């Protein structure tokens, strides 16, 4: 066995996952419109999410226009992202499998007349 394979086997036996660099992570948050992404990511890290330097983080800010400027962001995740879940996430720059293309169908004013 190669040293890399032996190391991976030892991790599996210990039921641990080593930190891996560059993951694609998605978070749903509520934060004031225009709040820098870095501030939201800092908030998520302080809350306990396993976000590392080099991760590709997509923030879905669903409450931006309802929140007053200066209001604290809110994390809408059901649970904290653990290091093990982060290790299972797709590599940075790659969309998770199962994401499909979608289009918006806009109503035409002429169609309503």
PDB file of N, CA and C in Angstrom:
ATOM      1  N   UNK A   1       0.833  -1.182   0.000  1.00  0.00           N
ATOM      2  CA  UNK A   1       0.000   0.000   0.000  1.00  0.00           C
ATOM      3  C   UNK A   1       0.878   1.246   0.000  1.00  0.00           C
ATOM      4  N   UNK A   2       0.388   2.270  -0.695  1.00  0.00           N
ATOM      5  CA  UNK A   2       1.123   3.539  -0.739  1.00  0.00           C
ATOM      6  C   UNK A   2       0.872   4.316   0.552  1.00  0.00           C
ATOM      7  N   UNK A   3       1.787   5.216   0.909  1.00  0.00           N
ATOM      8  CA  UNK A   3       1.576   6.017   2.131  1.00  0.00           C
ATOM      9  C   UNK A   3       0.271   6.825   2.086  1.00  0.00           C
ATOM     10  N   UNK A   4      -0.078   7.332   0.903  1.00  0.00           N
ATOM     11  CA  UNK A   4      -1.308   8.109   0.782  1.00  0.00           C
ATOM     12  C   UNK A   4      -2.536   7.237   1.067  1.00  0.00           C
ATOM     13  N   UNK A   5      -2.535   6.039   0.542  1.00  0.00           N
ATOM     14  CA  UNK A   5      -3.643   5.110   0.766  1.00  0.00           C
ATOM     15  C   UNK A   5      -3.716   4.694   2.231  1.00  0.00           C
ATOM     16  N   UNK A   6      -2.559   4.470   2.850  1.00  0.00           N
ATOM     17  CA  UNK A   6      -2.528   4.094   4.266  1.00  0.00           C
ATOM     18  C   UNK A   6      -3.066   5.240   5.128  1.00  0.00           C
ATOM     19  N   UNK A   7      -2.704   6.484   4.761  1.00  0.00           N
ATOM     20  CA  UNK A   7      -3.183   7.659   5.497  1.00  0.00           C
ATOM     21  C   UNK A   7      -4.698   7.770   5.371  1.00  0.00           C
ATOM     22  N   UNK A   8      -5.217   7.572   4.171  1.00  0.00           N
ATOM     23  CA  UNK A   8      -6.667   7.654   3.954  1.00  0.00           C
ATOM     24  C   UNK A   8      -7.384   6.554   4.723  1.00  0.00           C
ATOM     25  N   UNK A   9      -6.834   5.376   4.753  1.00  0.00           N
ATOM     26  CA  UNK A   9      -7.412   4.255   5.492  1.00  0.00           C
ATOM     27  C   UNK A   9      -7.446   4.556   6.987  1.00  0.00           C
ATOM     28  N   UNK A  10      -6.382   5.154   7.491  1.00  0.00           N
ATOM     29  CA  UNK A  10      -6.332   5.521   8.907  1.00  0.00           C
ATOM     30  C   UNK A  10      -7.399   6.570   9.227  1.00  0.00           C
ATOM     31  N   UNK A  11      -7.619   7.525   8.312  1.00  0.00           N
ATOM     32  CA  UNK A  11      -8.661   8.537   8.515  1.00  0.00           C
ATOM     33  C   UNK A  11     -10.050   7.896   8.550  1.00  0.00           C
ATOM     34  N   UNK A  12     -10.278   6.977   7.634  1.00  0.00           N
ATOM     35  CA  UNK A  12     -11.580   6.298   7.606  1.00  0.00           C
ATOM     36  C   UNK A  12     -11.813   5.483   8.873  1.00  0.00           C
ATOM     37  N   UNK A  13     -10.771   4.813   9.328  1.00  0.00           N
ATOM     38  CA  UNK A  13     -10.893   4.031  10.563  1.00  0.00           C
ATOM     39  C   UNK A  13     -11.155   4.932  11.760  1.00  0.00           C
ATOM     40  N   UNK A  14     -10.568   6.107  11.760  1.00  0.00           N
ATOM     41  CA  UNK A  14     -10.764   7.048  12.867  1.00  0.00           C
ATOM     42  C   UNK A  14     -12.058   7.848  12.697  1.00  0.00           C
ATOM     43  N   UNK A  15     -12.742   7.635  11.572  1.00  0.00           N
ATOM     44  CA  UNK A  15     -13.996   8.340  11.257  1.00  0.00           C
ATOM     45  C   UNK A  15     -13.798   9.855  11.267  1.00  0.00           C
ATOM     46  N   UNK A  16     -12.665  10.294  10.737  1.00  0.00           N
ATOM     47  CA  UNK A  16     -12.388  11.722  10.633  1.00  0.00           C
ATOM     48  C   UNK A  16     -12.101  12.063   9.184  1.00  0.00           C
ATOM     49  N   UNK A  17     -12.271  13.304   8.864  1.00  0.00           N
ATOM     50  CA  UNK A  17     -11.956  13.783   7.519  1.00  0.00           C
ATOM     51  C   UNK A  17     -10.968  14.933   7.645  1.00  0.00           C
ATOM     52  N   UNK A  18      -9.892  14.847   6.904  1.00  0.00           N
ATOM     53  CA  UNK A  18      -8.890  15.913   6.981  1.00  0.00           C
ATOM     54  C   UNK A  18      -9.380  17.141   6.221  1.00  0.00           C
ATOM     55  N   UNK A  19      -8.971  18.329   6.662  1.00  0.00           N
ATOM     56  CA  UNK A  19      -9.367  19.540   5.933  1.00  0.00           C
ATOM     57  C   UNK A  19      -8.823  19.500   4.509  1.00  0.00           C
ATOM     58  N   UNK A  20      -9.643  19.885   3.559  1.00  0.00           N
ATOM     59  CA  UNK A  20      -9.219  19.912   2.167  1.00  0.00           C
ATOM     60  C   UNK A  20      -9.337  21.338   1.652  1.00  0.00           C
ATOM     61  N   UNK A  21      -8.431  21.719   0.792  1.00  0.00           N
ATOM     62  CA  UNK A  21      -8.404  23.098   0.296  1.00  0.00           C
ATOM     63  C   UNK A  21      -9.361  23.276  -0.868  1.00  0.00           C
ATOM     64  N   UNK A  22      -9.917  24.462  -0.955  1.00  0.00           N
ATOM     65  CA  UNK A  22     -10.708  24.841  -2.101  1.00  0.00           C
ATOM     66  C   UNK A  22     -11.999  24.079  -2.293  1.00  0.00           C
ATOM     67  N   UNK A  23     -13.032  24.435  -1.576  1.00  0.00           N
ATOM     68  CA  UNK A  23     -14.339  23.789  -1.704  1.00  0.00           C
ATOM     69  C   UNK A  23     -15.376  24.787  -2.207  1.00  0.00           C
ATOM     70  N   UNK A  24     -16.408  24.286  -2.849  1.00  0.00           N
ATOM     71  CA  UNK A  24     -17.507  25.111  -3.324  1.00  0.00           C
ATOM     72  C   UNK A  24     -18.628  25.029  -2.292  1.00  0.00           C
ATOM     73  N   UNK A  25     -18.891  26.143  -1.605  1.00  0.00           N
ATOM     74  CA  UNK A  25     -19.867  26.164  -0.522  1.00  0.00           C
ATOM     75  C   UNK A  25     -20.965  27.175  -0.826  1.00  0.00           C
ATOM     76  N   UNK A  26     -22.192  26.840  -0.478  1.00  0.00           N
ATOM     77  CA  UNK A  26     -23.329  27.722  -0.721  1.00  0.00           C
ATOM     78  C   UNK A  26     -24.043  27.991   0.604  1.00  0.00           C
ATOM     79  N   UNK A  27     -24.325  29.271   0.884  1.00  0.00           N
ATOM     80  CA  UNK A  27     -25.035  29.655   2.102  1.00  0.00           C
ATOM     81  C   UNK A  27     -26.205  30.570   1.757  1.00  0.00           C
ATOM     82  N   UNK A  28     -27.305  30.393   2.445  1.00  0.00           N
ATOM     83  CA  UNK A  28     -28.466  31.266   2.308  1.00  0.00           C
ATOM     84  C   UNK A  28     -28.495  32.181   3.523  1.00  0.00           C
ATOM     85  N   UNK A  29     -28.482  33.472   3.287  1.00  0.00           N
ATOM     86  CA  UNK A  29     -28.423  34.437   4.378  1.00  0.00           C
ATOM     87  C   UNK A  29     -29.429  35.559   4.149  1.00  0.00           C
ATOM     88  N   UNK A  30     -29.643  36.337   5.202  1.00  0.00           N
ATOM     89  CA  UNK A  30     -30.352  37.607   5.117  1.00  0.00           C
ATOM     90  C   UNK A  30     -29.380  38.661   5.613  1.00  0.00           C
ATOM     91  N   UNK A  31     -29.083  39.641   4.773  1.00  0.00           N
ATOM     92  CA  UNK A  31     -28.168  40.716   5.144  1.00  0.00           C
ATOM     93  C   UNK A  31     -28.584  41.980   4.398  1.00  0.00           C
ATOM     94  N   UNK A  32     -28.270  43.146   4.946  1.00  0.00           N
ATOM     95  CA  UNK A  32     -28.637  44.390   4.266  1.00  0.00           C
ATOM     96  C   UNK A  32     -28.054  44.466   2.858  1.00  0.00           C
ATOM     97  N   UNK A  33     -28.794  45.094   1.947  1.00  0.00           N
ATOM     98  CA  UNK A  33     -28.352  45.263   0.566  1.00  0.00           C
ATOM     99  C   UNK A  33     -27.022  46.007   0.533  1.00  0.00           C
ATOM    100  N   UNK A  34     -26.090  45.494  -0.238  1.00  0.00           N
ATOM    101  CA  UNK A  34     -24.788  46.138  -0.376  1.00  0.00           C
ATOM    102  C   UNK A  34     -23.760  45.744   0.665  1.00  0.00           C
ATOM    103  N   UNK A  35     -24.132  44.900   1.628  1.00  0.00           N
ATOM    104  CA  UNK A  35     -23.156  44.467   2.629  1.00  0.00           C
ATOM    105  C   UNK A  35     -22.097  43.608   1.930  1.00  0.00           C
ATOM    106  N   UNK A  36     -20.812  43.927   2.119  1.00  0.00           N
ATOM    107  CA  UNK A  36     -19.756  43.159   1.441  1.00  0.00           C
ATOM    108  C   UNK A  36     -19.792  41.675   1.814  1.00  0.00           C
ATOM    109  N   UNK A  37     -19.525  40.852   0.810  1.00  0.00           N
ATOM    110  CA  UNK A  37     -19.513  39.406   1.020  1.00  0.00           C
ATOM    111  C   UNK A  37     -18.513  38.974   2.077  1.00  0.00           C
ATOM    112  N   UNK A  38     -17.373  39.669   2.152  1.00  0.00           N
ATOM    113  CA  UNK A  38     -16.343  39.318   3.140  1.00  0.00           C
ATOM    114  C   UNK A  38     -16.889  39.434   4.561  1.00  0.00           C
ATOM    115  N   UNK A  39     -17.714  40.467   4.788  1.00  0.00           N
ATOM    116  CA  UNK A  39     -18.302  40.647   6.123  1.00  0.00           C
ATOM    117  C   UNK A  39     -19.288  39.530   6.450  1.00  0.00           C
ATOM    118  N   UNK A  40     -20.043  39.116   5.460  1.00  0.00           N
ATOM    119  CA  UNK A  40     -21.008  38.023   5.675  1.00  0.00           C
ATOM    120  C   UNK A  40     -20.261  36.722   5.941  1.00  0.00           C
ATOM    121  N   UNK A  41     -19.187  36.473   5.194  1.00  0.00           N
ATOM    122  CA  UNK A  41     -18.390  35.250   5.398  1.00  0.00           C
ATOM    123  C   UNK A  41     -17.745  35.265   6.773  1.00  0.00           C
ATOM    124  N   UNK A  42     -17.235  36.424   7.210  1.00  0.00           N
ATOM    125  CA  UNK A  42     -16.667  36.551   8.555  1.00  0.00           C
ATOM    126  C   UNK A  42     -17.729  36.211   9.602  1.00  0.00           C
ATOM    127  N   UNK A  43     -18.943  36.729   9.417  1.00  0.00           N
ATOM    128  CA  UNK A  43     -20.048  36.426  10.324  1.00  0.00           C
ATOM    129  C   UNK A  43     -20.322  34.921  10.366  1.00  0.00           C
ATOM    130  N   UNK A  44     -20.349  34.274   9.200  1.00  0.00           N
ATOM    131  CA  UNK A  44     -20.619  32.832   9.149  1.00  0.00           C
ATOM    132  C   UNK A  44     -19.504  32.036   9.838  1.00  0.00           C
ATOM    133  N   UNK A  45     -18.260  32.451   9.630  1.00  0.00           N
ATOM    134  CA  UNK A  45     -17.133  31.783  10.304  1.00  0.00           C
ATOM    135  C   UNK A  45     -17.249  31.920  11.826  1.00  0.00           C
ATOM    136  N   UNK A  46     -17.547  33.140  12.278  1.00  0.00           N
ATOM    137  CA  UNK A  46     -17.666  33.369  13.725  1.00  0.00           C
ATOM    138  C   UNK A  46     -18.825  32.566  14.313  1.00  0.00           C
ATOM    139  N   UNK A  47     -19.831  32.302  13.517  1.00  0.00           N
ATOM    140  CA  UNK A  47     -20.977  31.508  13.973  1.00  0.00           C
ATOM    141  C   UNK A  47     -20.615  30.024  14.097  1.00  0.00           C
ATOM    142  N   UNK A  48     -19.530  29.605  13.433  1.00  0.00           N
ATOM    143  CA  UNK A  48     -19.075  28.229  13.582  1.00  0.00           C
ATOM    144  C   UNK A  48     -19.036  27.412  12.309  1.00  0.00           C
ATOM    145  N   UNK A  49     -19.345  28.024  11.160  1.00  0.00           N
ATOM    146  CA  UNK A  49     -19.286  27.285   9.900  1.00  0.00           C
ATOM    147  C   UNK A  49     -17.833  27.019   9.507  1.00  0.00           C
ATOM    148  N   UNK A  50     -17.581  25.842   8.939  1.00  0.00           N
ATOM    149  CA  UNK A  50     -16.235  25.447   8.509  1.00  0.00           C
ATOM    150  C   UNK A  50     -15.956  26.041   7.131  1.00  0.00           C
ATOM    151  N   UNK A  51     -15.578  27.306   7.105  1.00  0.00           N
ATOM    152  CA  UNK A  51     -15.210  27.990   5.871  1.00  0.00           C
ATOM    153  C   UNK A  51     -13.724  28.306   5.974  1.00  0.00           C
ATOM    154  N   UNK A  52     -12.965  27.885   4.982  1.00  0.00           N
ATOM    155  CA  UNK A  52     -11.513  28.070   5.004  1.00  0.00           C
ATOM    156  C   UNK A  52     -11.088  29.015   3.881  1.00  0.00           C
ATOM    157  N   UNK A  53      -9.878  29.588   4.009  1.00  0.00           N
ATOM    158  CA  UNK A  53      -9.312  30.389   2.930  1.00  0.00           C
ATOM    159  C   UNK A  53      -9.180  29.495   1.704  1.00  0.00           C
ATOM    160  N   UNK A  54      -9.482  30.032   0.550  1.00  0.00           N
ATOM    161  CA  UNK A  54      -9.409  29.248  -0.676  1.00  0.00           C
ATOM    162  C   UNK A  54     -10.731  28.621  -1.068  1.00  0.00           C
ATOM    163  N   UNK A  55     -11.735  28.692  -0.194  1.00  0.00           N
ATOM    164  CA  UNK A  55     -13.052  28.164  -0.537  1.00  0.00           C
ATOM    165  C   UNK A  55     -13.769  29.137  -1.469  1.00  0.00           C
ATOM    166  N   UNK A  56     -14.565  28.595  -2.347  1.00  0.00           N
ATOM    167  CA  UNK A  56     -15.398  29.355  -3.267  1.00  0.00           C
ATOM    168  C   UNK A  56     -16.780  29.421  -2.629  1.00  0.00           C
ATOM    169  N   UNK A  57     -17.152  30.584  -2.063  1.00  0.00           N
ATOM    170  CA  UNK A  57     -18.391  30.701  -1.290  1.00  0.00           C
ATOM    171  C   UNK A  57     -19.427  31.503  -2.073  1.00  0.00           C
ATOM    172  N   UNK A  58     -20.583  30.892  -2.323  1.00  0.00           N
ATOM    173  CA  UNK A  58     -21.698  31.566  -2.964  1.00  0.00           C
ATOM    174  C   UNK A  58     -22.698  31.945  -1.885  1.00  0.00           C
ATOM    175  N   UNK A  59     -23.011  33.247  -1.805  1.00  0.00           N
ATOM    176  CA  UNK A  59     -23.953  33.737  -0.807  1.00  0.00           C
ATOM    177  C   UNK A  59     -25.265  34.089  -1.493  1.00  0.00           C
ATOM    178  N   UNK A  60     -26.342  33.468  -1.046  1.00  0.00           N
ATOM    179  CA  UNK A  60     -27.669  33.785  -1.559  1.00  0.00           C
ATOM    180  C   UNK A  60     -28.329  34.692  -0.530  1.00  0.00           C
ATOM    181  N   UNK A  61     -28.286  36.013  -0.790  1.00  0.00           N
ATOM    182  CA  UNK A  61     -28.814  36.996   0.156  1.00  0.00           C
ATOM    183  C   UNK A  61     -30.287  37.222  -0.165  1.00  0.00           C
ATOM    184  N   UNK A  62     -31.163  36.509   0.525  1.00  0.00           N
ATOM    185  CA  UNK A  62     -32.593  36.537   0.191  1.00  0.00           C
ATOM    186  C   UNK A  62     -33.357  37.663   0.871  1.00  0.00           C
ATOM    187  N   UNK A  63     -32.758  38.350   1.824  1.00  0.00           N
ATOM    188  CA  UNK A  63     -33.493  39.395   2.533  1.00  0.00           C
ATOM    189  C   UNK A  63     -32.924  40.783   2.358  1.00  0.00           C
ATOM    190  N   UNK A  64     -32.102  41.003   1.316  1.00  0.00           N
ATOM    191  CA  UNK A  64     -31.343  42.246   1.216  1.00  0.00           C
ATOM    192  C   UNK A  64     -32.194  43.499   1.140  1.00  0.00           C
ATOM    193  N   UNK A  65     -33.311  43.451   0.462  1.00  0.00           N
ATOM    194  CA  UNK A  65     -34.098  44.681   0.299  1.00  0.00           C
ATOM    195  C   UNK A  65     -35.076  44.912   1.438  1.00  0.00           C
ATOM    196  N   UNK A  66     -35.265  43.933   2.300  1.00  0.00           N
ATOM    197  CA  UNK A  66     -36.170  44.099   3.443  1.00  0.00           C
ATOM    198  C   UNK A  66     -35.442  44.569   4.687  1.00  0.00           C
ATOM    199  N   UNK A  67     -34.115  44.500   4.674  1.00  0.00           N
ATOM    200  CA  UNK A  67     -33.349  44.808   5.882  1.00  0.00           C
ATOM    201  C   UNK A  67     -32.781  46.218   5.840  1.00  0.00           C
ATOM    202  N   UNK A  68     -32.785  46.861   6.992  1.00  0.00           N
ATOM    203  CA  UNK A  68     -32.231  48.216   7.105  1.00  0.00           C
ATOM    204  C   UNK A  68     -30.712  48.152   7.102  1.00  0.00           C
ATOM    205  N   UNK A  69     -30.086  49.202   6.583  1.00  0.00           N
ATOM    206  CA  UNK A  69     -28.629  49.268   6.568  1.00  0.00           C
ATOM    207  C   UNK A  69     -28.109  49.257   7.999  1.00  0.00           C
ATOM    208  N   UNK A  70     -27.051  48.490   8.245  1.00  0.00           N
ATOM    209  CA  UNK A  70     -26.488  48.391   9.588  1.00  0.00           C
ATOM    210  C   UNK A  70     -27.075  47.261  10.408  1.00  0.00           C
ATOM    211  N   UNK A  71     -28.148  46.650   9.916  1.00  0.00           N
ATOM    212  CA  UNK A  71     -28.749  45.522  10.633  1.00  0.00           C
ATOM    213  C   UNK A  71     -27.831  44.306  10.519  1.00  0.00           C
ATOM    214  N   UNK A  72     -27.785  43.494  11.553  1.00  0.00           N
ATOM    215  CA  UNK A  72     -26.900  42.326  11.566  1.00  0.00           C
ATOM    216  C   UNK A  72     -27.393  41.266  10.591  1.00  0.00           C
ATOM    217  N   UNK A  73     -26.473  40.585   9.900  1.00  0.00           N
ATOM    218  CA  UNK A  73     -26.892  39.512   8.995  1.00  0.00           C
ATOM    219  C   UNK A  73     -27.457  38.325   9.776  1.00  0.00           C
ATOM    220  N   UNK A  74     -28.245  37.513   9.097  1.00  0.00           N
ATOM    221  CA  UNK A  74     -28.819  36.308   9.700  1.00  0.00           C
ATOM    222  C   UNK A  74     -28.448  35.100   8.851  1.00  0.00           C
ATOM    223  N   UNK A  75     -28.108  34.038   9.512  1.00  0.00           N
ATOM    224  CA  UNK A  75     -27.775  32.779   8.855  1.00  0.00           C
ATOM    225  C   UNK A  75     -29.055  31.958   8.742  1.00  0.00           C
ATOM    226  N   UNK A  76     -29.428  31.567   7.541  1.00  0.00           N
ATOM    227  CA  UNK A  76     -30.654  30.794   7.333  1.00  0.00           C
ATOM    228  C   UNK A  76     -30.395  29.294   7.207  1.00  0.00           C
ATOM    229  N   UNK A  77     -29.173  28.856   7.482  1.00  0.00           N
ATOM    230  CA  UNK A  77     -28.851  27.425   7.407  1.00  0.00           C
ATOM    231  C   UNK A  77     -29.584  26.649   8.485  1.00  0.00           C
ATOM    232  N   UNK A  78     -29.970  25.433   8.126  1.00  0.00           N
ATOM    233  CA  UNK A  78     -30.643  24.568   9.105  1.00  0.00           C
ATOM    234  C   UNK A  78     -29.665  24.102  10.182  1.00  0.00           C
ATOM    235  N   UNK A  79     -28.403  23.916   9.796  1.00  0.00           N
ATOM    236  CA  UNK A  79     -27.382  23.441  10.738  1.00  0.00           C
ATOM    237  C   UNK A  79     -26.028  24.013  10.333  1.00  0.00           C
ATOM    238  N   UNK A  80     -25.086  24.015  11.256  1.00  0.00           N
ATOM    239  CA  UNK A  80     -23.736  24.497  10.959  1.00  0.00           C
ATOM    240  C   UNK A  80     -23.027  23.547  10.006  1.00  0.00           C
ATOM    241  N   UNK A  81     -22.230  24.105   9.117  1.00  0.00           N
ATOM    242  CA  UNK A  81     -21.428  23.307   8.193  1.00  0.00           C
ATOM    243  C   UNK A  81     -20.234  22.742   8.963  1.00  0.00           C
ATOM    244  N   UNK A  82     -20.175  21.435   9.075  1.00  0.00           N
ATOM    245  CA  UNK A  82     -19.073  20.793   9.796  1.00  0.00           C
ATOM    246  C   UNK A  82     -17.895  20.563   8.852  1.00  0.00           C
ATOM    247  N   UNK A  83     -16.743  20.297   9.432  1.00  0.00           N
ATOM    248  CA  UNK A  83     -15.544  20.017   8.631  1.00  0.00           C
ATOM    249  C   UNK A  83     -15.758  18.778   7.756  1.00  0.00           C
ATOM    250  N   UNK A  84     -16.471  17.785   8.273  1.00  0.00           N
ATOM    251  CA  UNK A  84     -16.724  16.567   7.497  1.00  0.00           C
ATOM    252  C   UNK A  84     -17.624  16.855   6.289  1.00  0.00           C
ATOM    253  N   UNK A  85     -18.662  17.688   6.488  1.00  0.00           N
ATOM    254  CA  UNK A  85     -19.534  18.059   5.364  1.00  0.00           C
ATOM    255  C   UNK A  85     -18.773  18.897   4.348  1.00  0.00           C
ATOM    256  N   UNK A  86     -17.894  19.761   4.849  1.00  0.00           N
ATOM    257  CA  UNK A  86     -17.081  20.576   3.950  1.00  0.00           C
ATOM    258  C   UNK A  86     -16.182  19.703   3.090  1.00  0.00           C
ATOM    259  N   UNK A  87     -15.607  18.673   3.681  1.00  0.00           N
ATOM    260  CA  UNK A  87     -14.734  17.766   2.940  1.00  0.00           C
ATOM    261  C   UNK A  87     -15.490  17.048   1.821  1.00  0.00           C
ATOM    262  N   UNK A  88     -16.779  16.810   2.034  1.00  0.00           N
ATOM    263  CA  UNK A  88     -17.589  16.125   1.032  1.00  0.00           C
ATOM    264  C   UNK A  88     -18.090  17.066  -0.062  1.00  0.00           C
ATOM    265  N   UNK A  89     -17.939  18.377   0.132  1.00  0.00           N
ATOM    266  CA  UNK A  89     -18.414  19.358  -0.849  1.00  0.00           C
ATOM    267  C   UNK A  89     -17.569  19.299  -2.117  1.00  0.00           C
ATOM    268  N   UNK A  90     -18.138  19.728  -3.245  1.00  0.00           N
ATOM    269  CA  UNK A  90     -17.374  19.710  -4.493  1.00  0.00           C
ATOM    270  C   UNK A  90     -16.202  20.681  -4.465  1.00  0.00           C
ATOM    271  N   UNK A  91     -15.252  20.462  -5.347  1.00  0.00           N
ATOM    272  CA  UNK A  91     -14.064  21.319  -5.422  1.00  0.00           C
ATOM    273  C   UNK A  91     -14.453  22.733  -5.816  1.00  0.00           C
ATOM    274  N   UNK A  92     -13.650  23.702  -5.377  1.00  0.00           N
ATOM    275  CA  UNK A  92     -13.910  25.108  -5.688  1.00  0.00           C
ATOM    276  C   UNK A  92     -13.985  25.301  -7.195  1.00  0.00           C
ATOM    277  N   UNK A  93     -14.883  26.189  -7.608  1.00  0.00           N
ATOM    278  CA  UNK A  93     -15.022  26.475  -9.027  1.00  0.00           C
ATOM    279  C   UNK A  93     -15.929  25.512  -9.763  1.00  0.00           C
ATOM    280  N   UNK A  94     -16.402  24.473  -9.092  1.00  0.00           N
ATOM    281  CA  UNK A  94     -17.281  23.492  -9.735  1.00  0.00           C
ATOM    282  C   UNK A  94     -18.638  23.518  -9.065  1.00  0.00           C
ATOM    283  N   UNK A  95     -19.681  23.549  -9.863  1.00  0.00           N
ATOM    284  CA  UNK A  95     -21.032  23.504  -9.306  1.00  0.00           C
ATOM    285  C   UNK A  95     -21.336  22.096  -8.847  1.00  0.00           C
ATOM    286  N   UNK A  96     -22.083  21.951  -7.759  1.00  0.00           N
ATOM    287  CA  UNK A  96     -22.437  20.611  -7.289  1.00  0.00           C
ATOM    288  C   UNK A  96     -23.239  19.859  -8.335  1.00  0.00           C
ATOM    289  N   UNK A  97     -23.079  18.544  -8.358  1.00  0.00           N
ATOM    290  CA  UNK A  97     -23.868  17.714  -9.266  1.00  0.00           C
ATOM    291  C   UNK A  97     -25.336  17.844  -8.885  1.00  0.00           C
ATOM    292  N   UNK A  98     -26.176  17.819  -9.858  1.00  0.00           N
ATOM    293  CA  UNK A  98     -27.603  17.928  -9.576  1.00  0.00           C
ATOM    294  C   UNK A  98     -28.132  19.324  -9.815  1.00  0.00           C
ATOM    295  N   UNK A  99     -27.242  20.331  -9.887  1.00  0.00           N
ATOM    296  CA  UNK A  99     -27.709  21.674 -10.224  1.00  0.00           C
ATOM    297  C   UNK A  99     -28.019  21.685 -11.719  1.00  0.00           C
ATOM    298  N   UNK A 100     -29.206  22.130 -12.057  1.00  0.00           N
ATOM    299  CA  UNK A 100     -29.612  22.140 -13.452  1.00  0.00           C
ATOM    300  C   UNK A 100     -29.782  23.570 -13.915  1.00  0.00           C
ATOM    301  N   UNK A 101     -29.673  23.752 -15.208  1.00  0.00           N
ATOM    302  CA  UNK A 101     -29.913  25.077 -15.769  1.00  0.00           C
ATOM    303  C   UNK A 101     -31.374  25.426 -15.605  1.00  0.00           C
ATOM    304  N   UNK A 102     -31.631  26.698 -15.460  1.00  0.00           N
ATOM    305  CA  UNK A 102     -33.010  27.134 -15.351  1.00  0.00           C
ATOM    306  C   UNK A 102     -33.165  28.477 -16.030  1.00  0.00           C
ATOM    307  N   UNK A 103     -34.378  28.796 -16.437  1.00  0.00           N
ATOM    308  CA  UNK A 103     -34.666  30.095 -17.038  1.00  0.00           C
ATOM    309  C   UNK A 103     -35.881  30.678 -16.356  1.00  0.00           C
ATOM    310  N   UNK A 104     -35.951  32.001 -16.370  1.00  0.00           N
ATOM    311  CA  UNK A 104     -37.126  32.680 -15.857  1.00  0.00           C
ATOM    312  C   UNK A 104     -38.065  32.947 -17.023  1.00  0.00           C
ATOM    313  N   UNK A 105     -39.324  32.726 -16.813  1.00  0.00           N
ATOM    314  CA  UNK A 105     -40.309  33.066 -17.833  1.00  0.00           C
ATOM    315  C   UNK A 105     -41.026  34.320 -17.361  1.00  0.00           C
ATOM    316  N   UNK A 106     -40.793  35.397 -18.061  1.00  0.00           N
ATOM    317  CA  UNK A 106     -41.384  36.669 -17.679  1.00  0.00           C
ATOM    318  C   UNK A 106     -42.724  36.854 -18.411  1.00  0.00           C
ATOM    319  N   UNK A 107     -43.688  37.367 -17.682  1.00  0.00           N
ATOM    320  CA  UNK A 107     -44.976  37.634 -18.297  1.00  0.00           C
ATOM    321  C   UNK A 107     -44.858  38.841 -19.205  1.00  0.00           C
ATOM    322  N   UNK A 108     -45.408  38.739 -20.401  1.00  0.00           N
ATOM    323  CA  UNK A 108     -45.412  39.848 -21.328  1.00  0.00           C
ATOM    324  C   UNK A 108     -46.637  40.713 -21.094  1.00  0.00           C
ATOM    325  N   UNK A 109     -46.478  42.049 -21.008  1.00  0.00           N
ATOM    326  CA  UNK A 109     -47.648  42.904 -20.820  1.00  0.00           C
ATOM    327  C   UNK A 109     -48.680  42.737 -21.931  1.00  0.00           C
ATOM    328  N   UNK A 110     -48.209  42.457 -23.153  1.00  0.00           N
ATOM    329  CA  UNK A 110     -49.136  42.260 -24.278  1.00  0.00           C
ATOM    330  C   UNK A 110     -49.986  41.008 -24.087  1.00  0.00           C
ATOM    331  N   UNK A 111     -49.406  39.994 -23.471  1.00  0.00           N
ATOM    332  CA  UNK A 111     -50.136  38.738 -23.274  1.00  0.00           C
ATOM    333  C   UNK A 111     -51.255  38.908 -22.253  1.00  0.00           C
ATOM    334  N   UNK A 112     -51.148  39.933 -21.407  1.00  0.00           N
ATOM    335  CA  UNK A 112     -52.156  40.142 -20.379  1.00  0.00           C
ATOM    336  C   UNK A 112     -53.342  40.971 -20.872  1.00  0.00           C
ATOM    337  N   UNK A 113     -53.218  41.591 -22.050  1.00  0.00           N
ATOM    338  CA  UNK A 113     -54.299  42.439 -22.572  1.00  0.00           C
ATOM    339  C   UNK A 113     -55.341  41.645 -23.307  1.00  0.00           C
TER     340      UNK A 113
END
